[in-house]
Amino acid sequence: MQSYRMNTSAFKSKQRGLSFIGLVLTMALVISVFIVGAKVVPTVIEYQTILKALNKAKEGNTVSEVRVIFDKAASIDLISSVTAKDLEISKNGDKVVVSVAYNKEIELFGPAFILIKYSGSSK
């Protein structure tokens, strides 16, 4: 009988995959993206809620009515980044346009922060 021997050096050179250090670095990257995303997503959700409140507030006819409507919506939806005093209210023809611009700082670690500038207006 003839025996077949495998050449182990040839077999090792064809192995593919992630080394342990590569796996650790990949996991560190994935975890970092997850942490940043977990801190940014709530601010984006709050921004969408603010836009919804701006669209409700444009139904007012006077500046004070617009501010009262926004304050009611902000208290219901727990909006804390913007108050009625921060609103810019103008008229475009017969339509009331309510807009706002604000910055949101998100602390990552130590002295590192992310600064997101939000701005939006009613439709």
Protein backbone atom coordinates (compact mmCIF):
# COMPACT_ATOMS: atom_id res chain seq x y z
CA MET A 1 0.00 0.00 0.00
CA GLN A 2 1.08 3.44 -0.76
CA SER A 3 0.70 6.09 1.92
CA TYR A 4 0.01 9.69 1.19
CA ARG A 5 1.63 12.33 3.33
CA MET A 6 0.33 15.83 3.51
CA ASN A 7 2.81 18.62 3.19
CA THR A 8 1.97 20.68 6.30
CA SER A 9 3.93 23.74 5.20
CA ALA A 10 1.87 24.00 2.02
CA PHE A 11 -1.31 23.54 4.02
CA LYS A 12 -0.47 26.35 6.45
CA SER A 13 0.16 28.86 3.68
CA LYS A 14 -3.37 28.37 2.35
CA GLN A 15 -5.06 29.05 5.69
CA ARG A 16 -7.09 32.19 5.74
CA GLY A 17 -8.87 34.09 8.43
CA LEU A 18 -8.44 36.64 11.14
CA SER A 19 -5.56 36.54 13.54
CA PHE A 20 -6.17 37.15 17.22
CA ILE A 21 -4.84 40.72 17.00
CA GLY A 22 -6.98 41.35 13.94
CA LEU A 23 -10.01 40.06 15.82
CA VAL A 24 -9.27 42.29 18.83
CA LEU A 25 -8.84 45.38 16.61
CA THR A 26 -12.03 44.60 14.69
CA MET A 27 -13.98 44.16 17.92
CA ALA A 28 -12.55 47.43 19.30
CA LEU A 29 -13.71 49.24 16.14
CA VAL A 30 -17.18 47.70 16.30
CA ILE A 31 -17.54 48.55 19.99
CA SER A 32 -16.37 52.15 19.38
CA VAL A 33 -18.91 52.64 16.59
CA PHE A 34 -21.64 51.16 18.81
CA ILE A 35 -20.77 53.49 21.72
CA VAL A 36 -20.76 56.60 19.52
CA GLY A 37 -24.02 55.51 17.88
CA ALA A 38 -25.63 54.91 21.26
CA LYS A 39 -24.80 58.47 22.28
CA VAL A 40 -25.78 60.14 18.97
CA VAL A 41 -29.07 58.35 18.22
CA PRO A 42 -31.03 59.95 21.13
CA THR A 43 -30.07 63.44 19.91
CA VAL A 44 -31.26 62.60 16.40
CA ILE A 45 -34.55 61.30 17.81
CA GLU A 46 -34.93 64.51 19.83
CA TYR A 47 -34.23 66.56 16.68
CA GLN A 48 -37.01 64.72 14.84
CA THR A 49 -39.33 65.43 17.77
CA ILE A 50 -38.39 69.13 17.64
CA LEU A 51 -39.21 69.25 13.93
CA LYS A 52 -42.60 67.69 14.67
CA ALA A 53 -43.21 70.33 17.37
CA LEU A 54 -42.20 73.11 14.94
CA ASN A 55 -44.77 71.87 12.44
CA LYS A 56 -47.45 71.95 15.17
CA ALA A 57 -46.36 75.41 16.30
CA LYS A 58 -46.73 76.98 12.86
CA GLU A 59 -50.50 76.69 13.27
CA GLY A 60 -50.44 79.74 15.56
CA ASN A 61 -51.23 83.15 14.11
CA THR A 62 -49.19 85.32 16.45
CA VAL A 63 -45.70 84.96 17.88
CA SER A 64 -47.07 84.32 21.36
CA GLU A 65 -49.47 81.63 20.07
CA VAL A 66 -46.62 79.89 18.25
CA ARG A 67 -44.49 79.91 21.40
CA VAL A 68 -47.35 78.56 23.57
CA ILE A 69 -48.09 75.76 21.10
CA PHE A 70 -44.40 74.83 20.96
CA ASP A 71 -44.12 74.89 24.77
CA LYS A 72 -47.08 72.52 25.09
CA ALA A 73 -45.60 70.14 22.50
CA ALA A 74 -42.18 70.37 24.17
CA SER A 75 -43.61 69.49 27.57
CA ILE A 76 -45.53 66.53 26.16
CA ASP A 77 -42.58 65.19 24.15
CA LEU A 78 -39.94 66.01 26.82
CA ILE A 79 -37.89 68.32 24.61
CA SER A 80 -35.03 69.80 26.64
CA SER A 81 -32.57 71.14 24.05
CA VAL A 82 -34.79 73.93 22.72
CA THR A 83 -37.23 76.29 24.39
CA ALA A 84 -39.83 78.58 22.87
CA LYS A 85 -37.44 81.52 23.34
CA ASP A 86 -34.98 79.86 20.91
CA LEU A 87 -37.48 79.85 18.03
CA GLU A 88 -37.18 82.17 15.05
CA ILE A 89 -40.64 83.03 13.81
CA SER A 90 -41.27 84.72 10.47
CA LYS A 91 -43.91 84.96 7.79
CA ASN A 92 -43.51 83.85 4.21
CA GLY A 93 -46.55 85.24 2.46
CA ASP A 94 -49.51 83.96 4.47
CA LYS A 95 -47.59 81.08 6.02
CA VAL A 96 -45.91 81.17 9.40
CA VAL A 97 -42.39 79.73 9.30
CA VAL A 98 -40.88 78.53 12.56
CA SER A 99 -37.18 77.66 12.59
CA VAL A 100 -34.54 76.78 15.14
CA ALA A 101 -30.79 76.18 15.23
CA TYR A 102 -28.87 74.71 18.14
CA ASN A 103 -25.70 72.79 18.98
CA LYS A 104 -25.50 69.53 20.87
CA GLU A 105 -22.26 68.47 22.58
CA ILE A 106 -21.85 64.79 23.31
CA GLU A 107 -19.10 63.72 25.70
CA LEU A 108 -17.22 60.64 24.55
CA PHE A 109 -14.45 60.24 27.12
CA GLY A 110 -12.11 62.58 28.96
CA PRO A 111 -11.68 65.77 26.93
CA ALA A 112 -13.16 64.27 23.72
CA PHE A 113 -16.54 65.59 22.58
CA ILE A 114 -18.67 65.40 19.45
CA LEU A 115 -20.35 68.65 18.38
CA ILE A 116 -23.47 68.30 16.26
CA LYS A 117 -25.12 71.39 14.79
CA TYR A 118 -28.83 70.98 14.23
CA SER A 119 -31.05 73.41 12.32
CA GLY A 120 -34.52 73.02 10.95
CA SER A 121 -37.74 74.77 10.15
CA SER A 122 -41.41 74.01 9.74
CA LYS A 123 -42.65 72.81 6.38
